[in-house]
Amino acid sequence: MTYERFLKIITEIEKQDKLVSALYDLKVDLIDWTDPYSSIIGELIKEIYGEEGYNWFSWFCYERDFGNKEVGAWDENKNPICYDVKSLWEYLEKNHK
């Protein structure tokens, strides 16, 4: 997958996640409507990067809040990995394609 396409996908997921969260704060629960789309996206990411690649993708989006939280990951040489969108894409392309 090109970086441009990957960036577009993750940016759109982040926008929708923030919108759904804001609506939830206003007592509008869209989980039944959004869950099927999240499942579809997950299956497509798994098709491209496999189950382990999907786990990294999901971790970055939800544990790291799309790179906004300080939670980190390191390779076997103690180098930081998956710390922003580009490094996540590079890691997935190199290790899980």
Protein backbone atom coordinates (compact mmCIF):
# COMPACT_ATOMS: atom_id res chain seq x y z
CA MET A 1 0.00 0.00 0.00
CA THR A 2 1.34 3.45 -0.76
CA TYR A 3 2.03 5.79 2.11
CA GLU A 4 -0.40 8.33 0.67
CA ARG A 5 -3.26 5.81 0.70
CA PHE A 6 -2.30 4.56 4.18
CA LEU A 7 -2.24 8.15 5.49
CA LYS A 8 -5.64 8.87 3.96
CA ILE A 9 -7.16 5.75 5.54
CA ILE A 10 -5.77 6.36 9.01
CA THR A 11 -6.66 10.06 8.88
CA GLU A 12 -10.27 9.26 7.97
CA ILE A 13 -10.50 6.64 10.72
CA GLU A 14 -9.20 9.18 13.23
CA LYS A 15 -11.72 11.83 12.10
CA GLN A 16 -14.61 9.39 12.41
CA ASP A 17 -13.40 8.15 15.78
CA LYS A 18 -13.29 11.70 17.15
CA LEU A 19 -16.74 12.46 15.72
CA VAL A 20 -18.29 9.31 17.20
CA SER A 21 -16.64 10.05 20.57
CA ALA A 22 -17.94 13.63 20.57
CA LEU A 23 -21.44 12.43 19.75
CA TYR A 24 -21.22 9.79 22.48
CA ASP A 25 -20.36 12.55 24.97
CA LEU A 26 -23.64 14.19 23.89
CA LYS A 27 -25.48 10.91 24.63
CA VAL A 28 -25.72 9.85 20.97
CA ASP A 29 -24.60 6.23 20.77
CA LEU A 30 -23.69 5.16 17.21
CA ILE A 31 -21.79 1.99 18.12
CA ASP A 32 -24.32 -0.32 16.45
CA TRP A 33 -23.96 1.69 13.25
CA THR A 34 -20.16 2.11 13.28
CA ASP A 35 -19.06 -1.34 14.47
CA PRO A 36 -19.74 -3.10 11.15
CA TYR A 37 -17.58 -0.54 9.33
CA SER A 38 -14.79 -0.96 11.86
CA SER A 39 -14.96 -4.71 11.31
CA ILE A 40 -14.75 -4.28 7.54
CA ILE A 41 -11.74 -1.98 7.85
CA GLY A 42 -10.10 -4.44 10.23
CA GLU A 43 -10.57 -7.32 7.81
CA LEU A 44 -9.07 -5.29 4.97
CA ILE A 45 -6.04 -4.33 7.09
CA LYS A 46 -5.62 -8.01 8.03
CA GLU A 47 -5.74 -8.96 4.34
CA ILE A 48 -2.88 -6.57 3.62
CA TYR A 49 -0.72 -6.92 6.76
CA GLY A 50 -1.92 -10.09 8.44
CA GLU A 51 -3.21 -10.56 11.97
CA GLU A 52 -0.05 -9.31 13.68
CA GLY A 53 0.11 -6.28 11.38
CA TYR A 54 -3.51 -5.54 12.21
CA ASN A 55 -2.64 -5.73 15.92
CA TRP A 56 0.04 -3.04 15.42
CA PHE A 57 -2.37 -0.92 13.38
CA SER A 58 -5.07 -1.24 16.04
CA TRP A 59 -2.59 -0.54 18.85
CA PHE A 60 -1.45 2.65 17.14
CA CYS A 61 -5.01 3.86 16.54
CA TYR A 62 -6.56 3.04 19.89
CA GLU A 63 -3.80 2.58 22.50
CA ARG A 64 -1.66 5.42 21.15
CA ASP A 65 -4.70 7.49 20.12
CA PHE A 66 -3.41 7.83 16.55
CA GLY A 67 0.05 8.79 17.80
CA ASN A 68 -1.14 11.37 20.33
CA LYS A 69 -0.33 9.37 23.48
CA GLU A 70 3.16 8.71 24.78
CA VAL A 71 2.81 4.92 24.83
CA GLY A 72 5.81 3.55 22.98
CA ALA A 73 7.16 0.46 21.29
CA TRP A 74 10.72 -0.56 20.47
CA ASP A 75 12.41 -3.08 18.24
CA GLU A 76 14.91 -5.68 19.45
CA ASN A 77 17.68 -3.04 19.31
CA LYS A 78 15.71 -0.63 21.55
CA ASN A 79 14.93 1.70 18.62
CA PRO A 80 11.48 3.31 18.74
CA ILE A 81 8.95 1.93 16.25
CA CYS A 82 5.43 2.89 15.24
CA TYR A 83 5.71 6.32 16.88
CA ASP A 84 3.89 8.21 14.10
CA VAL A 85 1.84 7.33 11.03
CA LYS A 86 4.83 7.15 8.68
CA SER A 87 6.87 4.94 11.00
CA LEU A 88 3.84 2.67 11.49
CA TRP A 89 3.42 2.36 7.72
CA GLU A 90 7.15 1.68 7.24
CA TYR A 91 7.12 -0.98 9.97
CA LEU A 92 4.05 -2.71 8.53
CA GLU A 93 5.39 -2.60 4.97
CA LYS A 94 8.77 -3.99 6.02
CA ASN A 95 7.63 -6.62 8.52
CA HIS A 96 4.05 -7.62 7.74
CA LYS A 97 3.46 -7.31 4.01
